[in-house]
Amino acid sequence: CAGGAALARPEGIFVALPLLAIAWQTRRDSTPLRRGLALGAVLAPAAALASYPFYLNRVLDDPLAWTQAEHAWGRHFTPLGFVPAFTTLPSQIAQNAWVIRDVAFLFVYLALLVAARRAGTPWPWIAAALAIVVLPVFSGSFTSIGRFGLLAPPFFWGLATLGRNRRADLAIRAVSIALLAAATVTVPYVFP
């Protein structure tokens, strides 16, 4: 499943962090076979993601074809990619106002991670979720961060933690219904 997650979305590779922590914590109580299976589960996302360029080379004669697809979205990963993500934000918003949604979701996700951590979510899960939403900013764009966060359970755990309070639960439900209605009504504006 972890390998499939990495093939479906490259961010799926980060599931290896909590898997590694689980494998490490259970290593003494496991048989050699179970330790081998655990190691396979930890390595599966990286192996699947590393095999993808070989597939692209075989099918498209271009092992880096995925990078061209990313360029169409205005993405180009660099260690300093977060700088243009912020400096070009006004022009990104001018071209596509939906970027505001993704920037807002980034900050909502960060707040949910704080709530999840305060509730006791282990650090490997927090690190994996943080990488899922922060790493795309290094591509120079905030586009799609809202949907990337849907891949990480700790965001939902943070939301569940906040929802323990009755008032917060009612507010979360009301906002969720309003967001669902707004998203449904605005679909024709995005995909005419």
N, C-alpha and C. Protein backbone atom coordinates (compact mmCIF):
# COMPACT_ATOMS: atom_id res chain seq x y z
N CYS A 1 0.83 -1.20 0.00
CA CYS A 1 0.00 0.00 0.00
C CYS A 1 0.87 1.26 0.00
N ALA A 2 1.99 1.21 0.74
CA ALA A 2 2.87 2.38 0.79
C ALA A 2 3.49 2.65 -0.57
N GLY A 3 3.86 1.61 -1.28
CA GLY A 3 4.40 1.77 -2.63
C GLY A 3 3.35 2.34 -3.57
N GLY A 4 2.13 1.86 -3.46
CA GLY A 4 1.03 2.40 -4.27
C GLY A 4 0.77 3.86 -3.96
N ALA A 5 0.88 4.23 -2.70
CA ALA A 5 0.68 5.63 -2.31
C ALA A 5 1.73 6.52 -2.97
N ALA A 6 2.97 6.07 -3.02
CA ALA A 6 4.04 6.86 -3.64
C ALA A 6 3.87 6.96 -5.14
N LEU A 7 3.33 5.92 -5.76
CA LEU A 7 3.09 5.98 -7.20
C LEU A 7 1.89 6.87 -7.53
N ALA A 8 0.89 6.86 -6.66
CA ALA A 8 -0.30 7.68 -6.90
C ALA A 8 0.02 9.16 -6.73
N ARG A 9 0.76 9.51 -5.70
CA ARG A 9 1.19 10.88 -5.44
C ARG A 9 2.60 10.79 -4.90
N PRO A 10 3.55 11.52 -5.46
CA PRO A 10 4.93 11.44 -4.95
C PRO A 10 5.03 11.71 -3.44
N GLU A 11 4.10 12.52 -2.91
CA GLU A 11 4.12 12.80 -1.48
C GLU A 11 3.85 11.55 -0.65
N GLY A 12 3.33 10.51 -1.29
CA GLY A 12 3.08 9.25 -0.60
C GLY A 12 4.35 8.63 -0.05
N ILE A 13 5.50 9.07 -0.54
CA ILE A 13 6.77 8.54 -0.03
C ILE A 13 6.95 8.84 1.46
N PHE A 14 6.32 9.90 1.94
CA PHE A 14 6.51 10.30 3.33
C PHE A 14 5.84 9.37 4.33
N VAL A 15 5.00 8.45 3.86
CA VAL A 15 4.43 7.46 4.77
C VAL A 15 5.54 6.55 5.31
N ALA A 16 6.69 6.56 4.65
CA ALA A 16 7.82 5.76 5.13
C ALA A 16 8.32 6.23 6.50
N LEU A 17 8.14 7.51 6.82
CA LEU A 17 8.60 8.02 8.12
C LEU A 17 7.88 7.35 9.29
N PRO A 18 6.54 7.36 9.33
CA PRO A 18 5.90 6.65 10.44
C PRO A 18 6.09 5.14 10.37
N LEU A 19 6.17 4.59 9.15
CA LEU A 19 6.43 3.14 9.04
C LEU A 19 7.79 2.78 9.63
N LEU A 20 8.78 3.63 9.37
CA LEU A 20 10.11 3.40 9.94
C LEU A 20 10.07 3.45 11.47
N ALA A 21 9.36 4.42 12.00
CA ALA A 21 9.25 4.53 13.46
C ALA A 21 8.56 3.30 14.06
N ILE A 22 7.51 2.83 13.41
CA ILE A 22 6.80 1.65 13.91
C ILE A 22 7.70 0.42 13.83
N ALA A 23 8.40 0.27 12.71
CA ALA A 23 9.30 -0.88 12.55
C ALA A 23 10.41 -0.84 13.60
N TRP A 24 10.93 0.33 13.88
CA TRP A 24 12.01 0.47 14.86
C TRP A 24 11.50 0.14 16.26
N GLN A 25 10.32 0.62 16.60
CA GLN A 25 9.77 0.38 17.94
C GLN A 25 9.43 -1.08 18.18
N THR A 26 9.08 -1.82 17.15
CA THR A 26 8.67 -3.21 17.31
C THR A 26 9.77 -4.21 16.95
N ARG A 27 10.97 -3.73 16.66
CA ARG A 27 12.03 -4.61 16.17
C ARG A 27 12.39 -5.71 17.16
N ARG A 28 12.40 -5.43 18.45
CA ARG A 28 12.82 -6.44 19.43
C ARG A 28 11.78 -7.53 19.63
N ASP A 29 10.51 -7.18 19.44
CA ASP A 29 9.43 -8.15 19.65
C ASP A 29 9.07 -8.91 18.38
N SER A 30 9.73 -8.61 17.28
CA SER A 30 9.39 -9.22 15.99
C SER A 30 10.33 -10.36 15.64
N THR A 31 9.81 -11.28 14.87
CA THR A 31 10.63 -12.37 14.33
C THR A 31 11.46 -11.80 13.18
N PRO A 32 12.49 -12.51 12.77
CA PRO A 32 13.26 -12.04 11.61
C PRO A 32 12.41 -11.83 10.37
N LEU A 33 11.43 -12.70 10.17
CA LEU A 33 10.54 -12.56 9.02
C LEU A 33 9.74 -11.26 9.10
N ARG A 34 9.18 -10.98 10.27
CA ARG A 34 8.39 -9.75 10.44
C ARG A 34 9.27 -8.50 10.33
N ARG A 35 10.52 -8.58 10.80
CA ARG A 35 11.44 -7.44 10.63
C ARG A 35 11.75 -7.22 9.16
N GLY A 36 11.90 -8.31 8.41
CA GLY A 36 12.13 -8.19 6.97
C GLY A 36 10.94 -7.58 6.25
N LEU A 37 9.75 -8.02 6.63
CA LEU A 37 8.53 -7.46 6.04
C LEU A 37 8.39 -5.97 6.39
N ALA A 38 8.74 -5.63 7.62
CA ALA A 38 8.67 -4.23 8.04
C ALA A 38 9.67 -3.38 7.25
N LEU A 39 10.86 -3.92 7.05
CA LEU A 39 11.86 -3.20 6.25
C LEU A 39 11.37 -3.02 4.81
N GLY A 40 10.74 -4.06 4.27
CA GLY A 40 10.16 -3.96 2.93
C GLY A 40 9.09 -2.89 2.85
N ALA A 41 8.26 -2.79 3.88
CA ALA A 41 7.22 -1.76 3.91
C ALA A 41 7.83 -0.37 3.97
N VAL A 42 8.91 -0.23 4.73
CA VAL A 42 9.58 1.07 4.85
C VAL A 42 10.22 1.47 3.52
N LEU A 43 10.81 0.52 2.82
CA LEU A 43 11.51 0.82 1.56
C LEU A 43 10.58 0.87 0.35
N ALA A 44 9.38 0.31 0.45
CA ALA A 44 8.48 0.22 -0.70
C ALA A 44 8.16 1.58 -1.34
N PRO A 45 7.86 2.63 -0.56
CA PRO A 45 7.56 3.90 -1.23
C PRO A 45 8.74 4.45 -2.03
N ALA A 46 9.93 4.36 -1.48
CA ALA A 46 11.12 4.86 -2.20
C ALA A 46 11.39 4.01 -3.43
N ALA A 47 11.24 2.70 -3.30
CA ALA A 47 11.47 1.81 -4.45
C ALA A 47 10.45 2.09 -5.55
N ALA A 48 9.20 2.27 -5.18
CA ALA A 48 8.16 2.54 -6.18
C ALA A 48 8.43 3.87 -6.88
N LEU A 49 8.76 4.89 -6.10
CA LEU A 49 9.01 6.20 -6.69
C LEU A 49 10.27 6.19 -7.56
N ALA A 50 11.29 5.46 -7.14
CA ALA A 50 12.53 5.36 -7.92
C ALA A 50 12.31 4.58 -9.22
N SER A 51 11.35 3.68 -9.23
CA SER A 51 11.10 2.89 -10.43
C SER A 51 10.31 3.66 -11.49
N TYR A 52 9.63 4.71 -11.09
CA TYR A 52 8.77 5.45 -12.01
C TYR A 52 9.54 6.02 -13.20
N PRO A 53 10.73 6.62 -13.02
CA PRO A 53 11.47 7.09 -14.20
C PRO A 53 11.82 5.97 -15.18
N PHE A 54 12.06 4.77 -14.68
CA PHE A 54 12.33 3.64 -15.59
C PHE A 54 11.09 3.33 -16.44
N TYR A 55 9.94 3.39 -15.81
CA TYR A 55 8.69 3.19 -16.53
C TYR A 55 8.51 4.28 -17.59
N LEU A 56 8.72 5.53 -17.20
CA LEU A 56 8.57 6.64 -18.15
C LEU A 56 9.54 6.50 -19.32
N ASN A 57 10.75 6.07 -19.02
CA ASN A 57 11.74 5.88 -20.08
C ASN A 57 11.29 4.78 -21.04
N ARG A 58 10.75 3.74 -20.49
CA ARG A 58 10.31 2.60 -21.31
C ARG A 58 9.11 2.97 -22.18
N VAL A 59 8.17 3.71 -21.62
CA VAL A 59 6.93 4.02 -22.33
C VAL A 59 7.03 5.29 -23.17
N LEU A 60 7.70 6.31 -22.64
CA LEU A 60 7.74 7.61 -23.32
C LEU A 60 9.13 8.00 -23.83
N ASP A 61 10.11 7.17 -23.60
CA ASP A 61 11.50 7.46 -23.96
C ASP A 61 12.02 8.73 -23.30
N ASP A 62 11.46 9.05 -22.15
CA ASP A 62 11.89 10.23 -21.39
C ASP A 62 11.71 9.94 -19.90
N PRO A 63 12.80 9.62 -19.20
CA PRO A 63 12.67 9.27 -17.79
C PRO A 63 12.23 10.44 -16.91
N LEU A 64 12.33 11.65 -17.39
CA LEU A 64 11.93 12.82 -16.60
C LEU A 64 10.68 13.50 -17.15
N ALA A 65 9.84 12.75 -17.83
CA ALA A 65 8.63 13.32 -18.41
C ALA A 65 7.74 13.98 -17.36
N TRP A 66 7.77 13.46 -16.15
CA TRP A 66 6.94 14.03 -15.09
C TRP A 66 7.33 15.47 -14.77
N THR A 67 8.61 15.82 -14.95
CA THR A 67 9.01 17.19 -14.65
C THR A 67 8.40 18.17 -15.65
N GLN A 68 8.23 17.74 -16.89
CA GLN A 68 7.59 18.60 -17.88
C GLN A 68 6.13 18.84 -17.50
N ALA A 69 5.48 17.83 -16.98
CA ALA A 69 4.11 18.00 -16.52
C ALA A 69 4.06 18.99 -15.36
N GLU A 70 5.04 18.93 -14.48
CA GLU A 70 5.09 19.87 -13.35
C GLU A 70 5.33 21.29 -13.83
N HIS A 71 6.13 21.46 -14.87
CA HIS A 71 6.38 22.80 -15.40
C HIS A 71 5.10 23.43 -15.93
N ALA A 72 4.20 22.61 -16.46
CA ALA A 72 2.92 23.12 -16.95
C ALA A 72 2.10 23.73 -15.82
N TRP A 73 2.32 23.26 -14.59
CA TRP A 73 1.65 23.80 -13.41
C TRP A 73 2.44 24.96 -12.81
N GLY A 74 3.55 25.31 -13.45
CA GLY A 74 4.39 26.39 -12.91
C GLY A 74 5.29 25.92 -11.79
N ARG A 75 5.57 24.64 -11.74
CA ARG A 75 6.39 24.08 -10.66
C ARG A 75 7.78 23.71 -11.18
N HIS A 76 8.75 24.02 -10.36
CA HIS A 76 10.13 23.61 -10.61
C HIS A 76 10.81 23.55 -9.25
N PHE A 77 11.05 22.34 -8.77
CA PHE A 77 11.59 22.17 -7.42
C PHE A 77 13.03 22.63 -7.33
N THR A 78 13.30 23.50 -6.36
CA THR A 78 14.66 23.93 -6.04
C THR A 78 14.74 24.13 -4.53
N PRO A 79 15.92 24.06 -3.96
CA PRO A 79 16.06 24.28 -2.51
C PRO A 79 15.58 25.66 -2.05
N LEU A 80 15.63 26.64 -2.95
CA LEU A 80 15.16 27.98 -2.60
C LEU A 80 13.82 28.31 -3.26
N GLY A 81 13.09 27.29 -3.67
CA GLY A 81 11.83 27.50 -4.37
C GLY A 81 10.78 28.22 -3.55
N PHE A 82 10.91 28.16 -2.22
CA PHE A 82 9.93 28.84 -1.38
C PHE A 82 10.01 30.36 -1.55
N VAL A 83 11.19 30.87 -1.95
CA VAL A 83 11.34 32.32 -2.13
C VAL A 83 10.44 32.82 -3.26
N PRO A 84 10.52 32.25 -4.48
CA PRO A 84 9.59 32.72 -5.52
C PRO A 84 8.13 32.38 -5.20
N ALA A 85 7.89 31.35 -4.41
CA ALA A 85 6.50 31.04 -4.04
C ALA A 85 5.89 32.23 -3.32
N PHE A 86 6.67 32.87 -2.44
CA PHE A 86 6.16 34.03 -1.71
C PHE A 86 6.28 35.32 -2.50
N THR A 87 7.40 35.50 -3.22
CA THR A 87 7.59 36.77 -3.93
C THR A 87 6.67 36.91 -5.14
N THR A 88 6.29 35.79 -5.75
CA THR A 88 5.39 35.85 -6.90
C THR A 88 3.94 35.62 -6.51
N LEU A 89 3.66 35.55 -5.22
CA LEU A 89 2.30 35.28 -4.76
C LEU A 89 1.29 36.29 -5.29
N PRO A 90 1.58 37.61 -5.28
CA PRO A 90 0.59 38.54 -5.83
C PRO A 90 0.27 38.27 -7.31
N SER A 91 1.28 37.95 -8.11
CA SER A 91 1.01 37.67 -9.53
C SER A 91 0.29 36.32 -9.68
N GLN A 92 0.60 35.36 -8.81
CA GLN A 92 -0.12 34.08 -8.85
C GLN A 92 -1.60 34.29 -8.55
N ILE A 93 -1.88 35.15 -7.57
CA ILE A 93 -3.27 35.44 -7.20
C ILE A 93 -3.97 36.18 -8.33
N ALA A 94 -3.23 37.11 -8.98
CA ALA A 94 -3.83 37.85 -10.10
C ALA A 94 -4.20 36.91 -11.25
N GLN A 95 -3.39 35.89 -11.48
CA GLN A 95 -3.66 34.93 -12.55
C GLN A 95 -4.75 33.92 -12.17
N ASN A 96 -4.76 33.55 -10.88
CA ASN A 96 -5.68 32.52 -10.42
C ASN A 96 -6.00 32.78 -8.95
N ALA A 97 -7.14 33.37 -8.69
CA ALA A 97 -7.52 33.74 -7.32
C ALA A 97 -7.67 32.52 -6.41
N TRP A 98 -7.80 31.33 -6.98
CA TRP A 98 -7.93 30.11 -6.17
C TRP A 98 -6.67 29.83 -5.37
N VAL A 99 -5.56 30.48 -5.71
CA VAL A 99 -4.32 30.29 -4.95
C VAL A 99 -4.52 30.75 -3.50
N ILE A 100 -5.39 31.74 -3.30
CA ILE A 100 -5.67 32.20 -1.93
C ILE A 100 -6.16 31.04 -1.08
N ARG A 101 -7.00 30.20 -1.67
CA ARG A 101 -7.51 29.02 -0.96
C ARG A 101 -6.36 28.12 -0.52
N ASP A 102 -5.40 27.90 -1.42
CA ASP A 102 -4.29 27.00 -1.10
C ASP A 102 -3.38 27.59 -0.03
N VAL A 103 -3.14 28.88 -0.08
CA VAL A 103 -2.34 29.53 0.97
C VAL A 103 -3.06 29.42 2.31
N ALA A 104 -4.37 29.66 2.30
CA ALA A 104 -5.15 29.55 3.54
C ALA A 104 -5.10 28.13 4.08
N PHE A 105 -5.23 27.15 3.19
CA PHE A 105 -5.17 25.76 3.64
C PHE A 105 -3.81 25.41 4.23
N LEU A 106 -2.73 25.97 3.68
CA LEU A 106 -1.41 25.71 4.25
C LEU A 106 -1.39 26.12 5.72
N PHE A 107 -1.90 27.30 6.02
CA PHE A 107 -1.89 27.77 7.41
C PHE A 107 -2.88 27.00 8.28
N VAL A 108 -4.01 26.60 7.72
CA VAL A 108 -4.95 25.76 8.46
C VAL A 108 -4.30 24.42 8.78
N TYR A 109 -3.63 23.83 7.81
CA TYR A 109 -2.96 22.55 8.03
C TYR A 109 -1.88 22.66 9.11
N LEU A 110 -1.12 23.75 9.08
CA LEU A 110 -0.08 23.93 10.10
C LEU A 110 -0.72 24.03 11.49
N ALA A 111 -1.84 24.75 11.61
CA ALA A 111 -2.53 24.84 12.89
C ALA A 111 -3.06 23.48 13.33
N LEU A 112 -3.58 22.69 12.38
CA LEU A 112 -4.07 21.36 12.71
C LEU A 112 -2.95 20.44 13.16
N LEU A 113 -1.75 20.63 12.59
CA LEU A 113 -0.60 19.84 13.05
C LEU A 113 -0.23 20.17 14.48
N VAL A 114 -0.30 21.44 14.83
CA VAL A 114 -0.03 21.85 16.22
C VAL A 114 -1.05 21.17 17.14
N ALA A 115 -2.33 21.17 16.76
CA ALA A 115 -3.36 20.52 17.57
C ALA A 115 -3.11 19.02 17.66
N ALA A 116 -2.73 18.42 16.55
CA ALA A 116 -2.47 16.97 16.55
C ALA A 116 -1.28 16.64 17.45
N ARG A 117 -0.25 17.44 17.40
CA ARG A 117 0.92 17.19 18.23
C ARG A 117 0.59 17.35 19.71
N ARG A 118 -0.17 18.39 20.02
CA ARG A 118 -0.58 18.60 21.42
C ARG A 118 -1.42 17.44 21.93
N ALA A 119 -2.13 16.76 21.03
CA ALA A 119 -2.96 15.61 21.41
C ALA A 119 -2.14 14.34 21.51
N GLY A 120 -0.85 14.41 21.18
CA GLY A 120 0.02 13.25 21.34
C GLY A 120 0.35 12.50 20.07
N THR A 121 0.04 13.06 18.91
CA THR A 121 0.40 12.40 17.66
C THR A 121 1.92 12.28 17.60
N PRO A 122 2.44 11.10 17.31
CA PRO A 122 3.90 10.91 17.27
C PRO A 122 4.58 11.79 16.21
N TRP A 123 5.82 12.17 16.53
CA TRP A 123 6.59 13.05 15.64
C TRP A 123 6.75 12.53 14.22
N PRO A 124 6.96 11.23 13.98
CA PRO A 124 7.10 10.79 12.58
C PRO A 124 5.85 11.09 11.74
N TRP A 125 4.67 10.98 12.34
CA TRP A 125 3.45 11.32 11.61
C TRP A 125 3.37 12.81 11.34
N ILE A 126 3.77 13.60 12.33
CA ILE A 126 3.77 15.07 12.17
C ILE A 126 4.76 15.45 11.06
N ALA A 127 5.95 14.86 11.08
CA ALA A 127 6.97 15.18 10.07
C ALA A 127 6.49 14.81 8.67
N ALA A 128 5.85 13.65 8.54
CA ALA A 128 5.34 13.22 7.23
C ALA A 128 4.28 14.19 6.72
N ALA A 129 3.35 14.58 7.57
CA ALA A 129 2.28 15.50 7.17
C ALA A 129 2.85 16.88 6.84
N LEU A 130 3.81 17.33 7.63
CA LEU A 130 4.44 18.63 7.37
C LEU A 130 5.14 18.62 6.02
N ALA A 131 5.84 17.55 5.71
CA ALA A 131 6.53 17.45 4.42
C ALA A 131 5.53 17.46 3.26
N ILE A 132 4.39 16.84 3.46
CA ILE A 132 3.38 16.77 2.38
C ILE A 132 2.89 18.15 1.97
N VAL A 133 2.74 19.05 2.93
CA VAL A 133 2.20 20.37 2.58
C VAL A 133 3.26 21.46 2.45
N VAL A 134 4.42 21.28 3.05
CA VAL A 134 5.45 22.32 2.97
C VAL A 134 6.37 22.10 1.77
N LEU A 135 6.71 20.87 1.47
CA LEU A 135 7.63 20.60 0.37
C LEU A 135 7.15 21.15 -0.97
N PRO A 136 5.85 21.07 -1.31
CA PRO A 136 5.42 21.64 -2.59
C PRO A 136 5.70 23.14 -2.73
N VAL A 137 5.79 23.86 -1.63
CA VAL A 137 6.10 25.29 -1.70
C VAL A 137 7.50 25.50 -2.28
N PHE A 138 8.37 24.53 -2.12
CA PHE A 138 9.72 24.62 -2.67
C PHE A 138 9.73 24.47 -4.19
N SER A 139 8.57 24.21 -4.77
CA SER A 139 8.47 24.17 -6.23
C SER A 139 8.12 25.54 -6.78
N GLY A 140 7.98 26.52 -5.90
CA GLY A 140 7.71 27.88 -6.34
C GLY A 140 6.25 28.23 -6.46
N SER A 141 5.37 27.37 -5.95
CA SER A 141 3.94 27.61 -6.10
C SER A 141 3.17 27.04 -4.91
N PHE A 142 2.07 27.68 -4.60
CA PHE A 142 1.17 27.18 -3.57
C PHE A 142 0.04 26.34 -4.16
N THR A 143 -0.04 26.30 -5.47
CA THR A 143 -1.14 25.62 -6.15
C THR A 143 -1.29 24.18 -5.68
N SER A 144 -2.49 23.82 -5.34
CA SER A 144 -2.91 22.45 -4.98
C SER A 144 -2.55 22.03 -3.57
N ILE A 145 -1.99 22.89 -2.75
CA ILE A 145 -1.65 22.48 -1.39
C ILE A 145 -2.91 22.05 -0.63
N GLY A 146 -4.03 22.69 -0.94
CA GLY A 146 -5.28 22.31 -0.28
C GLY A 146 -5.60 20.84 -0.47
N ARG A 147 -5.40 20.33 -1.66
CA ARG A 147 -5.71 18.91 -1.87
C ARG A 147 -4.58 17.99 -1.42
N PHE A 148 -3.34 18.48 -1.40
CA PHE A 148 -2.24 17.64 -0.91
C PHE A 148 -2.46 17.25 0.55
N GLY A 149 -2.98 18.18 1.33
CA GLY A 149 -3.20 17.92 2.74
C GLY A 149 -4.20 16.81 3.01
N LEU A 150 -5.04 16.52 2.04
CA LEU A 150 -6.01 15.44 2.22
C LEU A 150 -5.34 14.08 2.33
N LEU A 151 -4.06 14.01 1.98
CA LEU A 151 -3.33 12.75 2.02
C LEU A 151 -2.78 12.40 3.40
N ALA A 152 -2.85 13.33 4.34
CA ALA A 152 -2.15 13.14 5.61
C ALA A 152 -3.11 13.00 6.79
N PRO A 153 -3.19 11.83 7.39
CA PRO A 153 -4.08 11.62 8.54
C PRO A 153 -3.87 12.59 9.70
N PRO A 154 -2.65 13.04 10.02
CA PRO A 154 -2.51 13.94 11.17
C PRO A 154 -3.34 15.21 11.09
N PHE A 155 -3.64 15.68 9.89
CA PHE A 155 -4.50 16.87 9.79
C PHE A 155 -5.90 16.55 10.31
N PHE A 156 -6.38 15.36 9.99
CA PHE A 156 -7.69 14.96 10.47
C PHE A 156 -7.67 14.68 11.97
N TRP A 157 -6.54 14.17 12.46
CA TRP A 157 -6.41 13.95 13.90
C TRP A 157 -6.42 15.27 14.65
N GLY A 158 -5.77 16.28 14.06
CA GLY A 158 -5.81 17.61 14.67
C GLY A 158 -7.22 18.17 14.68
N LEU A 159 -7.93 17.99 13.60
CA LEU A 159 -9.32 18.45 13.51
C LEU A 159 -10.19 17.71 14.53
N ALA A 160 -9.98 16.42 14.67
CA ALA A 160 -10.72 15.63 15.65
C ALA A 160 -10.42 16.09 17.07
N THR A 161 -9.17 16.45 17.31
CA THR A 161 -8.79 16.95 18.63
C THR A 161 -9.52 18.24 18.94
N LEU A 162 -9.57 19.14 17.97
CA LEU A 162 -10.29 20.40 18.18
C LEU A 162 -11.78 20.14 18.37
N GLY A 163 -12.30 19.13 17.69
CA GLY A 163 -13.72 18.81 17.76
C GLY A 163 -14.17 18.15 19.05
N ARG A 164 -13.25 17.90 19.95
CA ARG A 164 -13.64 17.34 21.25
C ARG A 164 -14.47 18.34 22.05
N ASN A 165 -14.20 19.61 21.80
CA ASN A 165 -14.98 20.67 22.43
C ASN A 165 -16.30 20.79 21.68
N ARG A 166 -17.41 20.81 22.41
CA ARG A 166 -18.75 20.82 21.79
C ARG A 166 -18.94 22.01 20.87
N ARG A 167 -18.56 23.19 21.31
CA ARG A 167 -18.72 24.39 20.47
C ARG A 167 -17.85 24.30 19.22
N ALA A 168 -16.61 23.85 19.41
CA ALA A 168 -15.71 23.71 18.26
C ALA A 168 -16.27 22.67 17.29
N ASP A 169 -16.83 21.59 17.82
CA ASP A 169 -17.41 20.56 16.96
C ASP A 169 -18.55 21.13 16.11
N LEU A 170 -19.43 21.90 16.75
CA LEU A 170 -20.54 22.52 16.00
C LEU A 170 -20.01 23.50 14.96
N ALA A 171 -18.97 24.26 15.32
CA ALA A 171 -18.38 25.21 14.37
C ALA A 171 -17.74 24.47 13.20
N ILE A 172 -17.02 23.40 13.48
CA ILE A 172 -16.39 22.60 12.42
C ILE A 172 -17.45 22.05 11.48
N ARG A 173 -18.54 21.56 12.03
CA ARG A 173 -19.62 21.01 11.20
C ARG A 173 -20.24 22.10 10.34
N ALA A 174 -20.50 23.26 10.93
CA ALA A 174 -21.13 24.36 10.18
C ALA A 174 -20.20 24.85 9.07
N VAL A 175 -18.93 25.02 9.38
CA VAL A 175 -17.97 25.48 8.37
C VAL A 175 -17.82 24.43 7.28
N SER A 176 -17.81 23.16 7.66
CA SER A 176 -17.68 22.08 6.66
C SER A 176 -18.86 22.08 5.70
N ILE A 177 -20.07 22.25 6.23
CA ILE A 177 -21.25 22.30 5.37
C ILE A 177 -21.19 23.51 4.45
N ALA A 178 -20.80 24.66 5.01
CA ALA A 178 -20.69 25.87 4.19
C ALA A 178 -19.63 25.72 3.10
N LEU A 179 -18.49 25.13 3.45
CA LEU A 179 -17.44 24.92 2.45
C LEU A 179 -17.88 23.94 1.36
N LEU A 180 -18.57 22.90 1.75
CA LEU A 180 -19.08 21.93 0.77
C LEU A 180 -20.06 22.60 -0.18
N ALA A 181 -20.97 23.39 0.37
CA ALA A 181 -21.94 24.10 -0.47
C ALA A 181 -21.24 25.09 -1.39
N ALA A 182 -20.30 25.85 -0.85
CA ALA A 182 -19.56 26.83 -1.67
C ALA A 182 -18.77 26.14 -2.77
N ALA A 183 -18.13 25.04 -2.43
CA ALA A 183 -17.35 24.31 -3.44
C ALA A 183 -18.25 23.77 -4.54
N THR A 184 -19.40 23.28 -4.16
CA THR A 184 -20.34 22.73 -5.15
C THR A 184 -20.86 23.83 -6.07
N VAL A 185 -21.22 24.96 -5.49
CA VAL A 185 -21.77 26.06 -6.27
C VAL A 185 -20.73 26.67 -7.21
N THR A 186 -19.47 26.66 -6.81
CA THR A 186 -18.43 27.31 -7.61
C THR A 186 -17.76 26.40 -8.63
N VAL A 187 -18.14 25.12 -8.67
CA VAL A 187 -17.54 24.21 -9.65
C VAL A 187 -17.65 24.75 -11.08
N PRO A 188 -18.81 25.29 -11.50
CA PRO A 188 -18.88 25.81 -12.88
C PRO A 188 -17.90 26.96 -13.18
N TYR A 189 -17.48 27.68 -12.15
CA TYR A 189 -16.53 28.77 -12.35
C TYR A 189 -15.12 28.27 -12.60
N VAL A 190 -14.82 27.10 -12.06
CA VAL A 190 -13.48 26.53 -12.24
C VAL A 190 -13.42 25.68 -13.49
N PHE A 191 -14.45 24.88 -13.73
CA PHE A 191 -14.49 23.99 -14.88
C PHE A 191 -15.72 24.29 -15.73
N PRO A 192 -15.69 25.37 -16.52
CA PRO A 192 -16.89 25.72 -17.30
C PRO A 192 -17.18 24.72 -18.41
